[in-house]
Amino acid sequence: MERLERAGRWLRAALATGRVRHRLHWLLLAIVLVGSALKDGDLVPETPLGNKRNPLNVYFVKVAWAWTFWLLLPFITLTAYQFAKSKLLYSPARRVVSVLRRLGTLLVGTAIWYCCTSLFLYIENLTGTCSAAGKVGEPRRLYATKQECRRDSGSWNGFDISGHCFLLSYCAMMIVEEVAVLEGLSIDQNSKLRVVINGLFVSLCFLAGIWVFMFLCTALYFHDFSQKLIGVVIGLSAWYGTYRVWYLKPISPGLPLPNVPLSSKKYSYSR
């Protein structure tokens, strides 16, 4: 427990200046630019990370939204309720309503993930053609989707917007924004709740680190530059449109710290 507490303090100190939150999106864009330049110049050495079947890709990136969702769910629930309670906000019933409102960010995120990934697949199917070896004497078959093509062991060539660049950038930015609630949270040093929240916080920071690292691997090994750029721009647009625009409005899931814009100097880790 002591090690967990120290790790939590160190991570909060690392985020204290707000540099991570205010500059991460610029870092992600820079990774796409530099990584794509290295890939196009054949300057990237072959490593296991260039294989789509590497464990990080199979067990983490392929289900990135699930990892993000299930770690943020208890973190937002506990911190939102504790924040309302510590600030003497609302009655117990209204605190629950406040928690449910904040959990709306996960519903919004799920809708963004589903709509964008479905759009990417639609565009790839719309722009693609299948290269498949047909049987001798049979007319060449026309394939409407990537799935049909692959069922016949074909190769689908379409405009494949990088879903990894989209989702990893969005998930990383969302985690960084949500953990900022710890700035306004007061919990007893010896409380079991503090241990649980600290454990979730450290796990979320570790997960965000994996997302940024795998984002770098995607930039270095996969997709064309335009496909990666469009993916990250959509991911960052989803983050900006929610946390920087919509969540400032009264009718929204709201920010982790109510009534305090994330761009404000007051919204930074100072403890």
C-alpha atoms as a PDB file:
ATOM      1  CA  MET A   1       0.000   0.000   0.000  1.00  0.00           C
ATOM      2  CA  GLU A   2       2.843   2.358   0.799  1.00  0.00           C
ATOM      3  CA  ARG A   3       4.370   1.780  -2.626  1.00  0.00           C
ATOM      4  CA  LEU A   4       1.013   2.476  -4.241  1.00  0.00           C
ATOM      5  CA  GLU A   5       0.717   5.721  -2.281  1.00  0.00           C
ATOM      6  CA  ARG A   6       4.216   6.765  -3.343  1.00  0.00           C
ATOM      7  CA  ALA A   7       3.444   5.911  -6.971  1.00  0.00           C
ATOM      8  CA  GLY A   8       0.254   7.966  -6.766  1.00  0.00           C
ATOM      9  CA  ARG A   9       2.099  10.947  -5.270  1.00  0.00           C
ATOM     10  CA  TRP A  10       4.810  10.735  -7.926  1.00  0.00           C
ATOM     11  CA  LEU A  11       2.294  10.588 -10.762  1.00  0.00           C
ATOM     12  CA  ARG A  12       0.302  13.493  -9.338  1.00  0.00           C
ATOM     13  CA  ALA A  13       3.544  15.481  -9.038  1.00  0.00           C
ATOM     14  CA  ALA A  14       4.423  14.624 -12.641  1.00  0.00           C
ATOM     15  CA  LEU A  15       1.057  15.996 -13.736  1.00  0.00           C
ATOM     16  CA  ALA A  16       1.183  18.979 -11.382  1.00  0.00           C
ATOM     17  CA  THR A  17       2.254  21.594 -13.908  1.00  0.00           C
ATOM     18  CA  GLY A  18      -0.536  20.657 -16.304  1.00  0.00           C
ATOM     19  CA  ARG A  19       1.992  20.143 -19.100  1.00  0.00           C
ATOM     20  CA  VAL A  20       0.753  16.632 -19.849  1.00  0.00           C
ATOM     21  CA  ARG A  21      -2.871  17.716 -20.112  1.00  0.00           C
ATOM     22  CA  HIS A  22      -2.175  20.866 -22.113  1.00  0.00           C
ATOM     23  CA  ARG A  23       0.465  19.416 -24.443  1.00  0.00           C
ATOM     24  CA  LEU A  24      -0.397  15.769 -24.979  1.00  0.00           C
ATOM     25  CA  HIS A  25      -2.422  16.503 -28.117  1.00  0.00           C
ATOM     26  CA  TRP A  26       0.551  18.324 -29.640  1.00  0.00           C
ATOM     27  CA  LEU A  27       2.765  15.362 -28.767  1.00  0.00           C
ATOM     28  CA  LEU A  28       0.385  12.967 -30.524  1.00  0.00           C
ATOM     29  CA  LEU A  29       0.369  15.085 -33.675  1.00  0.00           C
ATOM     30  CA  ALA A  30       4.167  15.275 -33.586  1.00  0.00           C
ATOM     31  CA  ILE A  31       4.382  11.485 -33.222  1.00  0.00           C
ATOM     32  CA  VAL A  32       2.276  11.027 -36.369  1.00  0.00           C
ATOM     33  CA  LEU A  33       4.428  13.459 -38.356  1.00  0.00           C
ATOM     34  CA  VAL A  34       7.820  12.143 -37.230  1.00  0.00           C
ATOM     35  CA  GLY A  35       6.772   8.486 -37.145  1.00  0.00           C
ATOM     36  CA  SER A  36       5.335   8.643 -40.658  1.00  0.00           C
ATOM     37  CA  ALA A  37       8.484  10.342 -41.967  1.00  0.00           C
ATOM     38  CA  LEU A  38      10.646   7.594 -40.470  1.00  0.00           C
ATOM     39  CA  LYS A  39       8.373   4.880 -41.868  1.00  0.00           C
ATOM     40  CA  ASP A  40       8.305   6.393 -45.371  1.00  0.00           C
ATOM     41  CA  GLY A  41      12.070   6.757 -45.303  1.00  0.00           C
ATOM     42  CA  ASP A  42      12.536   3.074 -44.350  1.00  0.00           C
ATOM     43  CA  LEU A  43      14.391   4.161 -41.222  1.00  0.00           C
ATOM     44  CA  VAL A  44      12.414   2.008 -38.788  1.00  0.00           C
ATOM     45  CA  PRO A  45      14.105  -1.257 -37.734  1.00  0.00           C
ATOM     46  CA  GLU A  46      12.089  -4.464 -37.732  1.00  0.00           C
ATOM     47  CA  THR A  47      10.895  -5.403 -34.247  1.00  0.00           C
ATOM     48  CA  PRO A  48       8.110  -7.603 -32.832  1.00  0.00           C
ATOM     49  CA  LEU A  49       6.050  -4.411 -32.385  1.00  0.00           C
ATOM     50  CA  GLY A  50       5.696  -4.255 -36.177  1.00  0.00           C
ATOM     51  CA  ASN A  51       3.713  -7.490 -36.045  1.00  0.00           C
ATOM     52  CA  LYS A  52      -0.038  -7.000 -35.599  1.00  0.00           C
ATOM     53  CA  ARG A  53      -0.128 -10.149 -33.473  1.00  0.00           C
ATOM     54  CA  ASN A  54       2.165  -8.794 -30.748  1.00  0.00           C
ATOM     55  CA  PRO A  55       0.610  -9.169 -27.252  1.00  0.00           C
ATOM     56  CA  LEU A  56       0.148  -5.438 -26.617  1.00  0.00           C
ATOM     57  CA  ASN A  57      -1.815  -5.087 -29.834  1.00  0.00           C
ATOM     58  CA  VAL A  58      -3.888  -8.239 -29.388  1.00  0.00           C
ATOM     59  CA  TYR A  59      -4.734  -7.926 -25.686  1.00  0.00           C
ATOM     60  CA  PHE A  60      -4.799  -4.149 -25.257  1.00  0.00           C
ATOM     61  CA  VAL A  61      -5.158  -2.078 -28.433  1.00  0.00           C
ATOM     62  CA  LYS A  62      -7.757  -4.321 -30.060  1.00  0.00           C
ATOM     63  CA  VAL A  63      -9.988  -3.740 -27.032  1.00  0.00           C
ATOM     64  CA  ALA A  64      -8.721  -0.272 -26.102  1.00  0.00           C
ATOM     65  CA  TRP A  65     -12.151   1.206 -25.457  1.00  0.00           C
ATOM     66  CA  ALA A  66     -13.110  -1.715 -23.182  1.00  0.00           C
ATOM     67  CA  TRP A  67      -9.964  -1.216 -21.050  1.00  0.00           C
ATOM     68  CA  THR A  68     -10.575   2.532 -20.867  1.00  0.00           C
ATOM     69  CA  PHE A  69     -14.292   2.163 -20.126  1.00  0.00           C
ATOM     70  CA  TRP A  70     -13.985  -0.409 -17.334  1.00  0.00           C
ATOM     71  CA  LEU A  71     -11.214   1.460 -15.512  1.00  0.00           C
ATOM     72  CA  LEU A  72     -12.870   4.853 -15.822  1.00  0.00           C
ATOM     73  CA  LEU A  73     -16.256   3.506 -14.703  1.00  0.00           C
ATOM     74  CA  PRO A  74     -15.320   2.895 -11.036  1.00  0.00           C
ATOM     75  CA  PHE A  75     -12.909   5.848 -10.985  1.00  0.00           C
ATOM     76  CA  ILE A  76     -15.537   8.366 -12.133  1.00  0.00           C
ATOM     77  CA  THR A  77     -18.195   6.807  -9.891  1.00  0.00           C
ATOM     78  CA  LEU A  78     -16.109   7.008  -6.718  1.00  0.00           C
ATOM     79  CA  THR A  79     -14.452  10.364  -7.360  1.00  0.00           C
ATOM     80  CA  ALA A  80     -17.643  12.107  -8.503  1.00  0.00           C
ATOM     81  CA  TYR A  81     -19.573  10.961  -5.432  1.00  0.00           C
ATOM     82  CA  GLN A  82     -16.715  11.752  -3.062  1.00  0.00           C
ATOM     83  CA  PHE A  83     -16.211  15.171  -4.637  1.00  0.00           C
ATOM     84  CA  ALA A  84     -19.879  16.076  -4.184  1.00  0.00           C
ATOM     85  CA  LYS A  85     -19.821  14.738  -0.612  1.00  0.00           C
ATOM     86  CA  SER A  86     -16.597  16.512   0.420  1.00  0.00           C
ATOM     87  CA  LYS A  87     -17.857  19.840  -0.922  1.00  0.00           C
ATOM     88  CA  LEU A  88     -21.227  19.336   0.819  1.00  0.00           C
ATOM     89  CA  LEU A  89     -22.936  19.487  -2.544  1.00  0.00           C
ATOM     90  CA  TYR A  90     -26.535  18.287  -2.762  1.00  0.00           C
ATOM     91  CA  SER A  91     -28.425  15.705  -0.750  1.00  0.00           C
ATOM     92  CA  PRO A  92     -27.409  12.006  -1.021  1.00  0.00           C
ATOM     93  CA  ALA A  93     -30.019  11.490  -3.746  1.00  0.00           C
ATOM     94  CA  ARG A  94     -28.764  14.424  -5.768  1.00  0.00           C
ATOM     95  CA  ARG A  95     -25.200  13.207  -5.342  1.00  0.00           C
ATOM     96  CA  VAL A  96     -26.230   9.997  -7.051  1.00  0.00           C
ATOM     97  CA  VAL A  97     -27.768  12.040  -9.866  1.00  0.00           C
ATOM     98  CA  SER A  98     -24.504  13.980 -10.108  1.00  0.00           C
ATOM     99  CA  VAL A  99     -22.558  10.716 -10.412  1.00  0.00           C
ATOM    100  CA  LEU A 100     -24.900   9.429 -13.122  1.00  0.00           C
ATOM    101  CA  ARG A 101     -24.480  12.684 -14.998  1.00  0.00           C
ATOM    102  CA  ARG A 102     -20.692  12.364 -14.933  1.00  0.00           C
ATOM    103  CA  LEU A 103     -20.926   8.743 -16.041  1.00  0.00           C
ATOM    104  CA  GLY A 104     -22.605  10.134 -19.132  1.00  0.00           C
ATOM    105  CA  THR A 105     -19.083  10.840 -20.394  1.00  0.00           C
ATOM    106  CA  LEU A 106     -18.657   7.081 -20.855  1.00  0.00           C
ATOM    107  CA  LEU A 107     -21.895   6.860 -22.843  1.00  0.00           C
ATOM    108  CA  VAL A 108     -20.718   9.746 -25.001  1.00  0.00           C
ATOM    109  CA  GLY A 109     -17.348   8.069 -25.457  1.00  0.00           C
ATOM    110  CA  THR A 110     -19.003   4.775 -26.407  1.00  0.00           C
ATOM    111  CA  ALA A 111     -21.171   6.542 -28.979  1.00  0.00           C
ATOM    112  CA  ILE A 112     -18.121   8.306 -30.428  1.00  0.00           C
ATOM    113  CA  TRP A 113     -16.180   5.041 -30.592  1.00  0.00           C
ATOM    114  CA  TYR A 114     -19.034   3.154 -32.269  1.00  0.00           C
ATOM    115  CA  CYS A 115     -19.971   5.858 -34.780  1.00  0.00           C
ATOM    116  CA  CYS A 116     -16.399   6.624 -35.829  1.00  0.00           C
ATOM    117  CA  THR A 117     -15.284   3.020 -36.201  1.00  0.00           C
ATOM    118  CA  SER A 118     -18.452   2.238 -38.183  1.00  0.00           C
ATOM    119  CA  LEU A 119     -17.766   5.256 -40.411  1.00  0.00           C
ATOM    120  CA  PHE A 120     -14.181   4.151 -40.992  1.00  0.00           C
ATOM    121  CA  LEU A 121     -15.351   0.676 -42.012  1.00  0.00           C
ATOM    122  CA  TYR A 122     -17.987   2.153 -44.325  1.00  0.00           C
ATOM    123  CA  ILE A 123     -15.407   4.360 -46.043  1.00  0.00           C
ATOM    124  CA  GLU A 124     -13.010   1.430 -46.446  1.00  0.00           C
ATOM    125  CA  ASN A 125     -15.761  -0.714 -47.993  1.00  0.00           C
ATOM    126  CA  LEU A 126     -16.888   2.147 -50.236  1.00  0.00           C
ATOM    127  CA  THR A 127     -13.420   2.876 -51.588  1.00  0.00           C
ATOM    128  CA  GLY A 128     -12.023  -0.651 -51.735  1.00  0.00           C
ATOM    129  CA  THR A 129     -11.574  -3.423 -54.255  1.00  0.00           C
ATOM    130  CA  CYS A 130     -10.763  -7.059 -53.659  1.00  0.00           C
ATOM    131  CA  SER A 131      -7.779  -8.939 -55.018  1.00  0.00           C
ATOM    132  CA  ALA A 132      -8.727 -12.596 -54.825  1.00  0.00           C
ATOM    133  CA  ALA A 133      -7.726 -15.571 -56.927  1.00  0.00           C
ATOM    134  CA  GLY A 134     -10.904 -17.015 -58.428  1.00  0.00           C
ATOM    135  CA  LYS A 135     -11.357 -20.592 -59.550  1.00  0.00           C
ATOM    136  CA  VAL A 136     -10.416 -21.466 -63.123  1.00  0.00           C
ATOM    137  CA  GLY A 137     -13.354 -21.201 -65.507  1.00  0.00           C
ATOM    138  CA  GLU A 138     -15.523 -19.218 -63.107  1.00  0.00           C
ATOM    139  CA  PRO A 139     -16.429 -15.559 -63.738  1.00  0.00           C
ATOM    140  CA  ARG A 140     -14.663 -13.052 -61.506  1.00  0.00           C
ATOM    141  CA  ARG A 141     -16.695 -12.336 -58.406  1.00  0.00           C
ATOM    142  CA  LEU A 142     -17.412  -8.792 -57.256  1.00  0.00           C
ATOM    143  CA  TYR A 143     -17.104  -8.212 -53.503  1.00  0.00           C
ATOM    144  CA  ALA A 144     -19.078  -5.565 -51.671  1.00  0.00           C
ATOM    145  CA  THR A 145     -17.264  -5.626 -48.332  1.00  0.00           C
ATOM    146  CA  LYS A 146     -13.904  -6.340 -46.802  1.00  0.00           C
ATOM    147  CA  GLN A 147     -15.386  -9.233 -44.811  1.00  0.00           C
ATOM    148  CA  GLU A 148     -16.647 -10.994 -47.949  1.00  0.00           C
ATOM    149  CA  CYS A 149     -13.261 -10.548 -49.590  1.00  0.00           C
ATOM    150  CA  ARG A 150     -11.349 -11.984 -46.648  1.00  0.00           C
ATOM    151  CA  ARG A 151     -13.680 -14.975 -46.377  1.00  0.00           C
ATOM    152  CA  ASP A 152     -12.393 -15.974 -49.815  1.00  0.00           C
ATOM    153  CA  SER A 153      -8.770 -15.336 -48.722  1.00  0.00           C
ATOM    154  CA  GLY A 154      -8.610 -12.123 -50.722  1.00  0.00           C
ATOM    155  CA  SER A 155      -6.868  -8.841 -50.024  1.00  0.00           C
ATOM    156  CA  TRP A 156      -9.031  -5.727 -49.693  1.00  0.00           C
ATOM    157  CA  ASN A 157      -7.500  -2.462 -50.896  1.00  0.00           C
ATOM    158  CA  GLY A 158      -9.422   0.546 -49.615  1.00  0.00           C
ATOM    159  CA  PHE A 159      -8.831   3.817 -47.797  1.00  0.00           C
ATOM    160  CA  ASP A 160      -8.262   2.513 -44.274  1.00  0.00           C
ATOM    161  CA  ILE A 161      -8.451   5.418 -41.809  1.00  0.00           C
ATOM    162  CA  SER A 162      -6.363   4.455 -38.791  1.00  0.00           C
ATOM    163  CA  GLY A 163      -8.782   3.370 -36.105  1.00  0.00           C
ATOM    164  CA  HIS A 164      -5.814   2.926 -33.764  1.00  0.00           C
ATOM    165  CA  CYS A 165      -4.705   6.542 -34.159  1.00  0.00           C
ATOM    166  CA  PHE A 166      -8.277   7.702 -33.585  1.00  0.00           C
ATOM    167  CA  LEU A 167      -9.067   5.554 -30.568  1.00  0.00           C
ATOM    168  CA  LEU A 168      -5.699   5.638 -28.795  1.00  0.00           C
ATOM    169  CA  SER A 169      -5.510   9.438 -29.019  1.00  0.00           C
ATOM    170  CA  TYR A 170      -9.094   9.843 -27.788  1.00  0.00           C
ATOM    171  CA  CYS A 171      -8.670   7.367 -24.916  1.00  0.00           C
ATOM    172  CA  ALA A 172      -5.375   8.895 -23.771  1.00  0.00           C
ATOM    173  CA  MET A 173      -6.806  12.429 -23.788  1.00  0.00           C
ATOM    174  CA  MET A 174      -9.961  11.304 -21.983  1.00  0.00           C
ATOM    175  CA  ILE A 175      -7.980   9.600 -19.210  1.00  0.00           C
ATOM    176  CA  VAL A 176      -5.761  12.639 -18.685  1.00  0.00           C
ATOM    177  CA  GLU A 177      -8.817  14.881 -18.425  1.00  0.00           C
ATOM    178  CA  GLU A 178     -10.716  12.635 -16.014  1.00  0.00           C
ATOM    179  CA  VAL A 179      -7.883  12.094 -13.518  1.00  0.00           C
ATOM    180  CA  ALA A 180      -7.707  15.870 -13.073  1.00  0.00           C
ATOM    181  CA  VAL A 181     -10.586  15.505 -10.602  1.00  0.00           C
ATOM    182  CA  LEU A 182      -8.011  14.579  -7.949  1.00  0.00           C
ATOM    183  CA  GLU A 183      -7.121  18.282  -7.709  1.00  0.00           C
ATOM    184  CA  GLY A 184     -10.407  18.990  -5.963  1.00  0.00           C
ATOM    185  CA  LEU A 185     -10.757  15.728  -4.053  1.00  0.00           C
ATOM    186  CA  SER A 186     -10.194  15.507  -0.306  1.00  0.00           C
ATOM    187  CA  ILE A 187      -9.880  12.009   1.180  1.00  0.00           C
ATOM    188  CA  ASP A 188      -8.645  10.882   4.575  1.00  0.00           C
ATOM    189  CA  GLN A 189      -5.027   9.672   4.355  1.00  0.00           C
ATOM    190  CA  ASN A 190      -5.857   6.367   6.048  1.00  0.00           C
ATOM    191  CA  SER A 191      -9.124   5.741   4.261  1.00  0.00           C
ATOM    192  CA  LYS A 192      -9.657   2.503   2.315  1.00  0.00           C
ATOM    193  CA  LEU A 193     -11.385   4.601  -0.318  1.00  0.00           C
ATOM    194  CA  ARG A 194      -8.142   6.505  -0.851  1.00  0.00           C
ATOM    195  CA  VAL A 195      -6.333   3.217  -1.517  1.00  0.00           C
ATOM    196  CA  VAL A 196      -8.950   2.160  -4.069  1.00  0.00           C
ATOM    197  CA  ILE A 197      -8.952   5.520  -5.867  1.00  0.00           C
ATOM    198  CA  ASN A 198      -5.161   5.640  -5.793  1.00  0.00           C
ATOM    199  CA  GLY A 199      -5.008   2.161  -7.320  1.00  0.00           C
ATOM    200  CA  LEU A 200      -7.419   3.158 -10.075  1.00  0.00           C
ATOM    201  CA  PHE A 201      -5.478   6.378 -10.694  1.00  0.00           C
ATOM    202  CA  VAL A 202      -2.141   4.572 -11.039  1.00  0.00           C
ATOM    203  CA  SER A 203      -3.769   1.974 -13.315  1.00  0.00           C
ATOM    204  CA  LEU A 204      -5.262   4.679 -15.527  1.00  0.00           C
ATOM    205  CA  CYS A 205      -1.925   6.466 -15.804  1.00  0.00           C
ATOM    206  CA  PHE A 206      -0.251   3.175 -16.732  1.00  0.00           C
ATOM    207  CA  LEU A 207      -2.966   2.511 -19.314  1.00  0.00           C
ATOM    208  CA  ALA A 208      -2.566   5.983 -20.812  1.00  0.00           C
ATOM    209  CA  GLY A 209       1.163   5.290 -21.110  1.00  0.00           C
ATOM    210  CA  ILE A 210       0.411   2.092 -23.036  1.00  0.00           C
ATOM    211  CA  TRP A 211      -1.941   3.979 -25.360  1.00  0.00           C
ATOM    212  CA  VAL A 212       0.690   6.615 -26.160  1.00  0.00           C
ATOM    213  CA  PHE A 213       3.363   3.951 -26.685  1.00  0.00           C
ATOM    214  CA  MET A 214       1.150   1.909 -29.010  1.00  0.00           C
ATOM    215  CA  PHE A 215       0.167   5.115 -30.792  1.00  0.00           C
ATOM    216  CA  LEU A 216       3.885   5.586 -31.480  1.00  0.00           C
ATOM    217  CA  CYS A 217       4.132   2.002 -32.784  1.00  0.00           C
ATOM    218  CA  THR A 218       1.181   2.613 -35.104  1.00  0.00           C
ATOM    219  CA  ALA A 219       2.841   5.764 -36.450  1.00  0.00           C
ATOM    220  CA  LEU A 220       6.101   3.881 -37.069  1.00  0.00           C
ATOM    221  CA  TYR A 221       4.826   0.623 -38.548  1.00  0.00           C
ATOM    222  CA  PHE A 222       1.311   0.861 -39.972  1.00  0.00           C
ATOM    223  CA  HIS A 223      -0.910   2.827 -42.363  1.00  0.00           C
ATOM    224  CA  ASP A 224      -0.176   5.666 -44.762  1.00  0.00           C
ATOM    225  CA  PHE A 225       0.459   9.165 -43.467  1.00  0.00           C
ATOM    226  CA  SER A 226      -2.941  10.506 -44.576  1.00  0.00           C
ATOM    227  CA  GLN A 227      -4.770   7.610 -42.927  1.00  0.00           C
ATOM    228  CA  LYS A 228      -2.973   8.201 -39.623  1.00  0.00           C
ATOM    229  CA  LEU A 229      -3.371  11.971 -39.771  1.00  0.00           C
ATOM    230  CA  ILE A 230      -7.117  11.756 -40.386  1.00  0.00           C
ATOM    231  CA  GLY A 231      -7.446   9.219 -37.565  1.00  0.00           C
ATOM    232  CA  VAL A 232      -5.675  11.348 -34.965  1.00  0.00           C
ATOM    233  CA  VAL A 233      -7.426  14.544 -36.102  1.00  0.00           C
ATOM    234  CA  ILE A 234     -10.809  12.858 -35.607  1.00  0.00           C
ATOM    235  CA  GLY A 235      -9.733  11.541 -32.202  1.00  0.00           C
ATOM    236  CA  LEU A 236      -8.507  14.936 -31.023  1.00  0.00           C
ATOM    237  CA  SER A 237     -11.570  16.649 -32.487  1.00  0.00           C
ATOM    238  CA  ALA A 238     -13.791  14.307 -30.458  1.00  0.00           C
ATOM    239  CA  TRP A 239     -11.819  15.206 -27.311  1.00  0.00           C
ATOM    240  CA  TYR A 240     -11.873  18.945 -28.025  1.00  0.00           C
ATOM    241  CA  GLY A 241     -15.533  18.987 -28.980  1.00  0.00           C
ATOM    242  CA  THR A 242     -16.503  17.312 -25.700  1.00  0.00           C
ATOM    243  CA  TYR A 243     -14.110  18.503 -22.970  1.00  0.00           C
ATOM    244  CA  ARG A 244     -13.352  21.930 -24.391  1.00  0.00           C
ATOM    245  CA  VAL A 245     -16.765  22.841 -25.800  1.00  0.00           C
ATOM    246  CA  TRP A 246     -19.798  20.701 -24.943  1.00  0.00           C
ATOM    247  CA  TYR A 247     -18.907  19.775 -21.356  1.00  0.00           C
ATOM    248  CA  LEU A 248     -18.728  23.473 -20.480  1.00  0.00           C
ATOM    249  CA  LYS A 249     -22.466  23.738 -21.195  1.00  0.00           C
ATOM    250  CA  PRO A 250     -25.154  23.217 -18.529  1.00  0.00           C
ATOM    251  CA  ILE A 251     -26.801  20.419 -20.513  1.00  0.00           C
ATOM    252  CA  SER A 252     -23.893  17.982 -20.701  1.00  0.00           C
ATOM    253  CA  PRO A 253     -22.139  15.351 -18.558  1.00  0.00           C
ATOM    254  CA  GLY A 254     -20.004  18.219 -17.243  1.00  0.00           C
ATOM    255  CA  LEU A 255     -16.331  18.466 -16.365  1.00  0.00           C
ATOM    256  CA  PRO A 256     -14.559  16.407 -13.681  1.00  0.00           C
ATOM    257  CA  LEU A 257     -14.320  19.575 -11.582  1.00  0.00           C
ATOM    258  CA  PRO A 258     -17.670  21.382 -11.898  1.00  0.00           C
ATOM    259  CA  ASN A 259     -17.695  24.963 -13.142  1.00  0.00           C
ATOM    260  CA  VAL A 260     -13.916  25.071 -13.621  1.00  0.00           C
ATOM    261  CA  PRO A 261     -12.785  24.983 -17.277  1.00  0.00           C
ATOM    262  CA  LEU A 262      -9.955  22.527 -17.872  1.00  0.00           C
ATOM    263  CA  SER A 263      -7.988  25.279 -19.604  1.00  0.00           C
ATOM    264  CA  SER A 264      -8.108  27.421 -16.467  1.00  0.00           C
ATOM    265  CA  LYS A 265      -4.934  27.964 -14.421  1.00  0.00           C
ATOM    266  CA  LYS A 266      -6.973  26.870 -11.416  1.00  0.00           C
ATOM    267  CA  TYR A 267      -7.443  23.482 -13.025  1.00  0.00           C
ATOM    268  CA  SER A 268      -4.005  22.020 -12.408  1.00  0.00           C
ATOM    269  CA  TYR A 269      -2.488  19.654  -9.896  1.00  0.00           C
ATOM    270  CA  SER A 270      -1.071  21.783  -7.091  1.00  0.00           C
ATOM    271  CA  ARG A 271      -0.986  19.278  -4.277  1.00  0.00           C
END
